[in-house]
Amino acid sequence: MLTVDNLSAGYYGSNVLRDVSLSCSDEITLVIGANGAGKSTLVKSITGTLRPVSGKIFFGEEEIQDRKAFHIAKLGISTVPERGRVFREMSVIDNLKFGFESSIKGKKGKLEERLEFVKDLFPDLAEKFATPAGKMSGGQQQMLSIARALMTSPKFLIMDEPTTGLYPKLLKEVLLKIKTISTRMPILLTEQNVSETVPLARKVYLLDAGRIIASGTGEEMMKNEIVRRSYLGQNDKEGAKDEYN
């Protein structure tokens, strides 16, 4: 559904991404890498907030690398930005309504239907609809950010490091929600948290200094020596157990 072909992108004449190619078709596609590897630059390039230097991006059969962010969102691509970025002074319900009302396609549906979907997926949020978003915990705000993105009825969801700053119990809860969402729409996920997220993914790409240096299934990448040595602190070849299946 989403294809990136030999993409180069950066800032002020200096490339951060260099000839990056990847494809996302269904369930979860994961891009892992250290801080500064280029994950957020990749997200910005796909969503239209950064114009690539070269290369192509396809959503379906349509080229989108030269499209504005507004037009890309209109195609059905929704984004959960790094660290959530909810409207802190607005209530939970108003954050959700904003997501619905800002969607071109969202207005064709019914607000009540989208709210019921969010309530079912995030029951804790349903109990806090009147609460200002800024008074909730960081984890709850991250849940709200995901829920707001889903209010747009997306065809494809991009999530930029959604587990940043979450304590272990909440991290697992968020990842289980992400896996549930992936049964309804494809997800492109970027993460530094390798041990918890790689087992979830159908396809994993390792981004290092702006280049894809390895790729494979989640199981293959958990056995990849670079991943095990540099990201898991392990040197043995033994695979890791997938605790989400």
C-alpha atoms as a PDB file:
ATOM      1  CA  MET A   1       0.000   0.000   0.000  1.00  0.00           C
ATOM      2  CA  LEU A   2       2.905   2.374   0.735  1.00  0.00           C
ATOM      3  CA  THR A   3       6.221   2.189  -1.114  1.00  0.00           C
ATOM      4  CA  VAL A   4       9.356   4.307  -0.658  1.00  0.00           C
ATOM      5  CA  ASP A   5      11.792   4.086  -3.569  1.00  0.00           C
ATOM      6  CA  ASN A   6      15.397   5.367  -3.325  1.00  0.00           C
ATOM      7  CA  LEU A   7      14.390   8.269  -1.090  1.00  0.00           C
ATOM      8  CA  SER A   8      16.924  10.917  -0.095  1.00  0.00           C
ATOM      9  CA  ALA A   9      15.906  13.777   2.186  1.00  0.00           C
ATOM     10  CA  GLY A  10      17.411  16.212   4.643  1.00  0.00           C
ATOM     11  CA  TYR A  11      17.750  19.772   5.813  1.00  0.00           C
ATOM     12  CA  TYR A  12      19.656  22.837   4.621  1.00  0.00           C
ATOM     13  CA  GLY A  13      21.434  21.017   1.818  1.00  0.00           C
ATOM     14  CA  SER A  14      22.580  18.064   3.942  1.00  0.00           C
ATOM     15  CA  ASN A  15      20.947  14.665   3.413  1.00  0.00           C
ATOM     16  CA  VAL A  16      19.769  12.722   6.448  1.00  0.00           C
ATOM     17  CA  LEU A  17      18.230   9.887   4.419  1.00  0.00           C
ATOM     18  CA  ARG A  18      20.199   8.334   1.570  1.00  0.00           C
ATOM     19  CA  ASP A  19      18.580   6.066  -1.034  1.00  0.00           C
ATOM     20  CA  VAL A  20      16.063   4.552   1.390  1.00  0.00           C
ATOM     21  CA  SER A  21      13.666   1.964  -0.051  1.00  0.00           C
ATOM     22  CA  LEU A  22      10.950   0.076   1.820  1.00  0.00           C
ATOM     23  CA  SER A  23       7.415  -1.180   1.394  1.00  0.00           C
ATOM     24  CA  CYS A  24       4.443  -1.468   3.751  1.00  0.00           C
ATOM     25  CA  SER A  25       1.528  -3.670   2.788  1.00  0.00           C
ATOM     26  CA  ASP A  26      -0.371  -5.008   5.783  1.00  0.00           C
ATOM     27  CA  GLU A  27      -0.255  -5.332   9.566  1.00  0.00           C
ATOM     28  CA  ILE A  28       2.881  -3.694  11.078  1.00  0.00           C
ATOM     29  CA  THR A  29       5.966  -2.546   9.198  1.00  0.00           C
ATOM     30  CA  LEU A  30       8.651  -1.419  11.633  1.00  0.00           C
ATOM     31  CA  VAL A  31      11.612   0.897  11.105  1.00  0.00           C
ATOM     32  CA  ILE A  32      14.129   0.660  13.940  1.00  0.00           C
ATOM     33  CA  GLY A  33      17.246   2.689  14.578  1.00  0.00           C
ATOM     34  CA  ALA A  34      19.094   4.757  17.129  1.00  0.00           C
ATOM     35  CA  ASN A  35      18.288   8.380  17.875  1.00  0.00           C
ATOM     36  CA  GLY A  36      19.368  10.446  14.863  1.00  0.00           C
ATOM     37  CA  ALA A  37      19.218   7.552  12.401  1.00  0.00           C
ATOM     38  CA  GLY A  38      16.615   9.374  10.298  1.00  0.00           C
ATOM     39  CA  LYS A  39      13.330   7.817  11.434  1.00  0.00           C
ATOM     40  CA  SER A  40      11.484  11.101  11.984  1.00  0.00           C
ATOM     41  CA  THR A  41      12.878  12.490   8.718  1.00  0.00           C
ATOM     42  CA  LEU A  42      11.386   9.466   6.974  1.00  0.00           C
ATOM     43  CA  VAL A  43       7.992  10.128   8.579  1.00  0.00           C
ATOM     44  CA  LYS A  44       8.102  13.820   7.627  1.00  0.00           C
ATOM     45  CA  SER A  45       8.981  12.930   4.032  1.00  0.00           C
ATOM     46  CA  ILE A  46       6.083  10.489   3.721  1.00  0.00           C
ATOM     47  CA  THR A  47       3.524  12.804   5.318  1.00  0.00           C
ATOM     48  CA  GLY A  48       4.466  15.839   3.256  1.00  0.00           C
ATOM     49  CA  THR A  49       5.963  18.088   5.932  1.00  0.00           C
ATOM     50  CA  LEU A  50       9.399  17.704   4.338  1.00  0.00           C
ATOM     51  CA  ARG A  51      10.025  17.705   0.584  1.00  0.00           C
ATOM     52  CA  PRO A  52      12.418  14.903  -0.417  1.00  0.00           C
ATOM     53  CA  VAL A  53      15.579  15.711  -2.349  1.00  0.00           C
ATOM     54  CA  SER A  54      15.137  12.710  -4.658  1.00  0.00           C
ATOM     55  CA  GLY A  55      13.298   9.413  -4.934  1.00  0.00           C
ATOM     56  CA  LYS A  56       9.635   8.495  -5.058  1.00  0.00           C
ATOM     57  CA  ILE A  57       6.883   7.632  -2.588  1.00  0.00           C
ATOM     58  CA  PHE A  58       3.782   5.742  -3.698  1.00  0.00           C
ATOM     59  CA  PHE A  59       0.497   5.318  -1.835  1.00  0.00           C
ATOM     60  CA  GLY A  60      -1.210   2.633  -3.848  1.00  0.00           C
ATOM     61  CA  GLU A  61      -0.376   3.604  -7.422  1.00  0.00           C
ATOM     62  CA  GLU A  62      -0.282   7.325  -6.710  1.00  0.00           C
ATOM     63  CA  GLU A  63       2.970   9.280  -6.355  1.00  0.00           C
ATOM     64  CA  ILE A  64       2.854  11.496  -3.265  1.00  0.00           C
ATOM     65  CA  GLN A  65       6.429  12.752  -2.744  1.00  0.00           C
ATOM     66  CA  ASP A  66       5.515  16.165  -4.200  1.00  0.00           C
ATOM     67  CA  ARG A  67       2.121  16.422  -2.511  1.00  0.00           C
ATOM     68  CA  LYS A  68       1.389  18.800   0.335  1.00  0.00           C
ATOM     69  CA  ALA A  69       0.591  17.391   3.767  1.00  0.00           C
ATOM     70  CA  PHE A  70      -3.058  18.362   3.369  1.00  0.00           C
ATOM     71  CA  HIS A  71      -3.429  16.296   0.204  1.00  0.00           C
ATOM     72  CA  ILE A  72      -1.609  13.290   1.678  1.00  0.00           C
ATOM     73  CA  ALA A  73      -3.915  13.320   4.718  1.00  0.00           C
ATOM     74  CA  LYS A  74      -6.881  13.518   2.346  1.00  0.00           C
ATOM     75  CA  LEU A  75      -5.766  10.230   0.759  1.00  0.00           C
ATOM     76  CA  GLY A  76      -6.260   8.510   4.117  1.00  0.00           C
ATOM     77  CA  ILE A  77      -2.817   8.606   5.750  1.00  0.00           C
ATOM     78  CA  SER A  78      -3.005   9.596   9.419  1.00  0.00           C
ATOM     79  CA  THR A  79      -0.043  10.217  11.723  1.00  0.00           C
ATOM     80  CA  VAL A  80       0.613   9.881  15.441  1.00  0.00           C
ATOM     81  CA  PRO A  81       3.574  12.235  16.012  1.00  0.00           C
ATOM     82  CA  GLU A  82       6.431  11.585  18.394  1.00  0.00           C
ATOM     83  CA  ARG A  83       5.446  12.260  22.028  1.00  0.00           C
ATOM     84  CA  GLY A  84       1.774  12.556  21.152  1.00  0.00           C
ATOM     85  CA  ARG A  85       1.333  16.333  21.073  1.00  0.00           C
ATOM     86  CA  VAL A  86      -2.262  16.489  22.264  1.00  0.00           C
ATOM     87  CA  PHE A  87      -4.033  19.799  22.862  1.00  0.00           C
ATOM     88  CA  ARG A  88      -3.382  20.056  26.567  1.00  0.00           C
ATOM     89  CA  GLU A  89      -5.977  22.736  27.401  1.00  0.00           C
ATOM     90  CA  MET A  90      -8.745  20.910  25.539  1.00  0.00           C
ATOM     91  CA  SER A  91     -10.753  18.073  27.036  1.00  0.00           C
ATOM     92  CA  VAL A  92     -10.335  14.505  25.848  1.00  0.00           C
ATOM     93  CA  ILE A  93     -13.629  14.618  23.945  1.00  0.00           C
ATOM     94  CA  ASP A  94     -12.695  17.923  22.287  1.00  0.00           C
ATOM     95  CA  ASN A  95      -9.342  16.467  21.200  1.00  0.00           C
ATOM     96  CA  LEU A  96     -11.218  13.578  19.610  1.00  0.00           C
ATOM     97  CA  LYS A  97     -13.766  15.852  17.949  1.00  0.00           C
ATOM     98  CA  PHE A  98     -10.932  17.946  16.548  1.00  0.00           C
ATOM     99  CA  GLY A  99      -9.458  14.840  14.937  1.00  0.00           C
ATOM    100  CA  PHE A 100     -12.829  14.004  13.402  1.00  0.00           C
ATOM    101  CA  GLU A 101     -13.621  17.527  12.205  1.00  0.00           C
ATOM    102  CA  SER A 102     -10.161  18.103  10.711  1.00  0.00           C
ATOM    103  CA  SER A 103     -10.553  15.023   8.509  1.00  0.00           C
ATOM    104  CA  ILE A 104     -11.836  15.540   5.004  1.00  0.00           C
ATOM    105  CA  LYS A 105     -13.225  12.013   4.895  1.00  0.00           C
ATOM    106  CA  GLY A 106     -14.258  11.976   8.525  1.00  0.00           C
ATOM    107  CA  LYS A 107     -17.253  14.220   7.880  1.00  0.00           C
ATOM    108  CA  LYS A 108     -18.729  11.581   5.597  1.00  0.00           C
ATOM    109  CA  GLY A 109     -19.118   9.283   8.572  1.00  0.00           C
ATOM    110  CA  LYS A 110     -20.821   9.786  11.901  1.00  0.00           C
ATOM    111  CA  LEU A 111     -19.087  11.218  14.922  1.00  0.00           C
ATOM    112  CA  GLU A 112     -20.920   8.808  17.221  1.00  0.00           C
ATOM    113  CA  GLU A 113     -19.664   5.797  15.261  1.00  0.00           C
ATOM    114  CA  ARG A 114     -16.035   6.907  15.481  1.00  0.00           C
ATOM    115  CA  LEU A 115     -16.397   7.661  19.212  1.00  0.00           C
ATOM    116  CA  GLU A 116     -17.822   4.183  19.844  1.00  0.00           C
ATOM    117  CA  PHE A 117     -14.853   2.655  18.035  1.00  0.00           C
ATOM    118  CA  VAL A 118     -12.442   4.668  20.204  1.00  0.00           C
ATOM    119  CA  LYS A 119     -14.364   3.821  23.382  1.00  0.00           C
ATOM    120  CA  ASP A 120     -14.137   0.118  22.634  1.00  0.00           C
ATOM    121  CA  LEU A 121     -10.409   0.322  21.954  1.00  0.00           C
ATOM    122  CA  PHE A 122      -9.533   2.745  24.781  1.00  0.00           C
ATOM    123  CA  PRO A 123     -12.106   2.270  27.593  1.00  0.00           C
ATOM    124  CA  ASP A 124      -9.968   4.261  30.035  1.00  0.00           C
ATOM    125  CA  LEU A 125     -10.268   7.336  27.805  1.00  0.00           C
ATOM    126  CA  ALA A 126     -14.046   6.965  27.719  1.00  0.00           C
ATOM    127  CA  GLU A 127     -14.076   7.570  31.477  1.00  0.00           C
ATOM    128  CA  LYS A 128     -12.114  10.808  31.088  1.00  0.00           C
ATOM    129  CA  PHE A 129     -13.922  12.563  28.221  1.00  0.00           C
ATOM    130  CA  ALA A 130     -14.405  15.733  30.297  1.00  0.00           C
ATOM    131  CA  THR A 131     -10.815  15.796  31.625  1.00  0.00           C
ATOM    132  CA  PRO A 132      -8.343  18.334  30.159  1.00  0.00           C
ATOM    133  CA  ALA A 133      -5.735  16.354  28.226  1.00  0.00           C
ATOM    134  CA  GLY A 134      -2.897  18.135  30.018  1.00  0.00           C
ATOM    135  CA  LYS A 135      -4.024  16.714  33.368  1.00  0.00           C
ATOM    136  CA  MET A 136      -3.625  13.108  32.232  1.00  0.00           C
ATOM    137  CA  SER A 137      -0.476  11.024  32.526  1.00  0.00           C
ATOM    138  CA  GLY A 138       1.995  10.810  29.657  1.00  0.00           C
ATOM    139  CA  GLY A 139       0.782   7.325  28.804  1.00  0.00           C
ATOM    140  CA  GLN A 140      -2.850   8.421  28.744  1.00  0.00           C
ATOM    141  CA  GLN A 141      -1.934  11.329  26.496  1.00  0.00           C
ATOM    142  CA  GLN A 142      -0.220   8.914  24.126  1.00  0.00           C
ATOM    143  CA  MET A 143      -3.379   6.797  24.028  1.00  0.00           C
ATOM    144  CA  LEU A 144      -5.373   9.950  23.268  1.00  0.00           C
ATOM    145  CA  SER A 145      -3.005  10.884  20.450  1.00  0.00           C
ATOM    146  CA  ILE A 146      -3.542   7.451  18.871  1.00  0.00           C
ATOM    147  CA  ALA A 147      -7.296   7.676  19.362  1.00  0.00           C
ATOM    148  CA  ARG A 148      -7.411  11.150  17.791  1.00  0.00           C
ATOM    149  CA  ALA A 149      -5.602   9.844  14.712  1.00  0.00           C
ATOM    150  CA  LEU A 150      -8.155   7.030  14.425  1.00  0.00           C
ATOM    151  CA  MET A 151     -11.015   9.534  14.473  1.00  0.00           C
ATOM    152  CA  THR A 152     -10.073  10.457  10.895  1.00  0.00           C
ATOM    153  CA  SER A 153     -11.059   6.960   9.645  1.00  0.00           C
ATOM    154  CA  PRO A 154      -7.591   6.412   8.121  1.00  0.00           C
ATOM    155  CA  LYS A 155      -6.648   3.844   5.513  1.00  0.00           C
ATOM    156  CA  PHE A 156      -3.035   3.825   6.722  1.00  0.00           C
ATOM    157  CA  LEU A 157      -1.544   4.811  10.078  1.00  0.00           C
ATOM    158  CA  ILE A 158       1.986   6.114  10.738  1.00  0.00           C
ATOM    159  CA  MET A 159       3.279   6.152  14.311  1.00  0.00           C
ATOM    160  CA  ASP A 160       6.550   7.883  15.179  1.00  0.00           C
ATOM    161  CA  GLU A 161       8.126   6.325  18.310  1.00  0.00           C
ATOM    162  CA  PRO A 162       4.860   5.884  20.263  1.00  0.00           C
ATOM    163  CA  THR A 163       6.495   4.103  23.229  1.00  0.00           C
ATOM    164  CA  THR A 164       8.932   6.912  24.105  1.00  0.00           C
ATOM    165  CA  GLY A 165       8.916   7.613  27.851  1.00  0.00           C
ATOM    166  CA  LEU A 166       6.397   4.911  28.796  1.00  0.00           C
ATOM    167  CA  TYR A 167       6.968   2.712  31.850  1.00  0.00           C
ATOM    168  CA  PRO A 168       7.013  -1.061  31.143  1.00  0.00           C
ATOM    169  CA  LYS A 169       3.413  -1.965  32.027  1.00  0.00           C
ATOM    170  CA  LEU A 170       1.949   0.892  29.999  1.00  0.00           C
ATOM    171  CA  LEU A 171       4.377   0.223  27.153  1.00  0.00           C
ATOM    172  CA  LYS A 172       3.019  -3.309  26.787  1.00  0.00           C
ATOM    173  CA  GLU A 173      -0.544  -1.994  26.883  1.00  0.00           C
ATOM    174  CA  VAL A 174       0.154   0.513  24.112  1.00  0.00           C
ATOM    175  CA  LEU A 175       1.820  -2.151  21.971  1.00  0.00           C
ATOM    176  CA  LEU A 176      -1.132  -4.485  22.374  1.00  0.00           C
ATOM    177  CA  LYS A 177      -3.428  -1.663  21.231  1.00  0.00           C
ATOM    178  CA  ILE A 178      -1.193  -1.110  18.212  1.00  0.00           C
ATOM    179  CA  LYS A 179      -1.363  -4.786  17.321  1.00  0.00           C
ATOM    180  CA  THR A 180      -5.164  -4.681  17.551  1.00  0.00           C
ATOM    181  CA  ILE A 181      -5.314  -1.634  15.284  1.00  0.00           C
ATOM    182  CA  SER A 182      -3.071  -3.388  12.750  1.00  0.00           C
ATOM    183  CA  THR A 183      -5.817  -5.951  12.135  1.00  0.00           C
ATOM    184  CA  ARG A 184      -7.921  -3.098  10.729  1.00  0.00           C
ATOM    185  CA  MET A 185      -5.327  -1.082   8.787  1.00  0.00           C
ATOM    186  CA  PRO A 186      -1.620  -1.198   7.868  1.00  0.00           C
ATOM    187  CA  ILE A 187       0.745   0.578  10.247  1.00  0.00           C
ATOM    188  CA  LEU A 188       4.204   2.027   9.677  1.00  0.00           C
ATOM    189  CA  LEU A 189       5.880   2.185  13.080  1.00  0.00           C
ATOM    190  CA  THR A 190       9.232   3.793  13.919  1.00  0.00           C
ATOM    191  CA  GLU A 191      10.942   2.834  17.170  1.00  0.00           C
ATOM    192  CA  GLN A 192      14.141   2.734  19.207  1.00  0.00           C
ATOM    193  CA  ASN A 193      12.631   0.102  21.505  1.00  0.00           C
ATOM    194  CA  VAL A 194      13.795  -2.956  19.585  1.00  0.00           C
ATOM    195  CA  SER A 195      13.202  -5.789  22.046  1.00  0.00           C
ATOM    196  CA  GLU A 196       9.510  -4.990  22.548  1.00  0.00           C
ATOM    197  CA  THR A 197       8.512  -3.944  19.030  1.00  0.00           C
ATOM    198  CA  VAL A 198      10.380  -6.235  16.606  1.00  0.00           C
ATOM    199  CA  PRO A 199       8.369  -9.354  17.599  1.00  0.00           C
ATOM    200  CA  LEU A 200       5.170  -7.494  16.634  1.00  0.00           C
ATOM    201  CA  ALA A 201       6.180  -6.682  13.074  1.00  0.00           C
ATOM    202  CA  ARG A 202       5.617  -8.503   9.814  1.00  0.00           C
ATOM    203  CA  LYS A 203       8.567  -6.666   8.199  1.00  0.00           C
ATOM    204  CA  VAL A 204      11.422  -4.814   9.914  1.00  0.00           C
ATOM    205  CA  TYR A 205      13.944  -2.364   8.466  1.00  0.00           C
ATOM    206  CA  LEU A 206      17.077  -1.287  10.323  1.00  0.00           C
ATOM    207  CA  LEU A 207      17.942   2.345   9.601  1.00  0.00           C
ATOM    208  CA  ASP A 208      21.468   3.462  10.444  1.00  0.00           C
ATOM    209  CA  ALA A 209      22.977   6.871   9.580  1.00  0.00           C
ATOM    210  CA  GLY A 210      20.244   7.447   7.022  1.00  0.00           C
ATOM    211  CA  ARG A 211      20.541   4.117   5.192  1.00  0.00           C
ATOM    212  CA  ILE A 212      18.699   0.808   5.399  1.00  0.00           C
ATOM    213  CA  ILE A 213      21.421  -1.668   6.396  1.00  0.00           C
ATOM    214  CA  ALA A 214      19.278  -4.758   7.114  1.00  0.00           C
ATOM    215  CA  SER A 215      15.703  -5.961   6.719  1.00  0.00           C
ATOM    216  CA  GLY A 216      13.657  -9.088   7.308  1.00  0.00           C
ATOM    217  CA  THR A 217      10.733 -10.531   9.208  1.00  0.00           C
ATOM    218  CA  GLY A 218      10.440  -9.856  12.915  1.00  0.00           C
ATOM    219  CA  GLU A 219      11.763 -13.320  13.691  1.00  0.00           C
ATOM    220  CA  GLU A 220      14.685 -12.924  11.291  1.00  0.00           C
ATOM    221  CA  MET A 221      15.649  -9.546  12.712  1.00  0.00           C
ATOM    222  CA  MET A 222      15.602 -10.787  16.296  1.00  0.00           C
ATOM    223  CA  LYS A 223      18.279 -13.242  15.172  1.00  0.00           C
ATOM    224  CA  ASN A 224      20.218 -10.654  13.162  1.00  0.00           C
ATOM    225  CA  GLU A 225      23.693 -10.239  14.638  1.00  0.00           C
ATOM    226  CA  ILE A 226      23.750  -6.445  14.194  1.00  0.00           C
ATOM    227  CA  VAL A 227      20.415  -6.082  15.975  1.00  0.00           C
ATOM    228  CA  ARG A 228      21.351  -8.462  18.773  1.00  0.00           C
ATOM    229  CA  ARG A 229      24.756  -6.906  19.350  1.00  0.00           C
ATOM    230  CA  SER A 230      23.927  -3.202  18.931  1.00  0.00           C
ATOM    231  CA  TYR A 231      20.343  -3.017  20.185  1.00  0.00           C
ATOM    232  CA  LEU A 232      19.793  -5.992  22.476  1.00  0.00           C
ATOM    233  CA  GLY A 233      23.231  -6.291  24.065  1.00  0.00           C
ATOM    234  CA  GLN A 234      23.430  -9.947  23.078  1.00  0.00           C
ATOM    235  CA  ASN A 235      25.958 -11.948  21.093  1.00  0.00           C
ATOM    236  CA  ASP A 236      24.359 -15.388  20.973  1.00  0.00           C
ATOM    237  CA  LYS A 237      22.229 -16.604  18.083  1.00  0.00           C
ATOM    238  CA  GLU A 238      19.244 -17.746  20.107  1.00  0.00           C
ATOM    239  CA  GLY A 239      15.944 -16.205  18.964  1.00  0.00           C
ATOM    240  CA  ALA A 240      13.711 -14.241  21.265  1.00  0.00           C
ATOM    241  CA  LYS A 241      10.238 -15.342  22.240  1.00  0.00           C
ATOM    242  CA  ASP A 242       7.285 -13.448  20.809  1.00  0.00           C
ATOM    243  CA  GLU A 243       5.189 -12.670  23.861  1.00  0.00           C
ATOM    244  CA  TYR A 244       2.444 -10.931  21.898  1.00  0.00           C
ATOM    245  CA  ASN A 245       1.268 -14.010  19.981  1.00  0.00           C
END
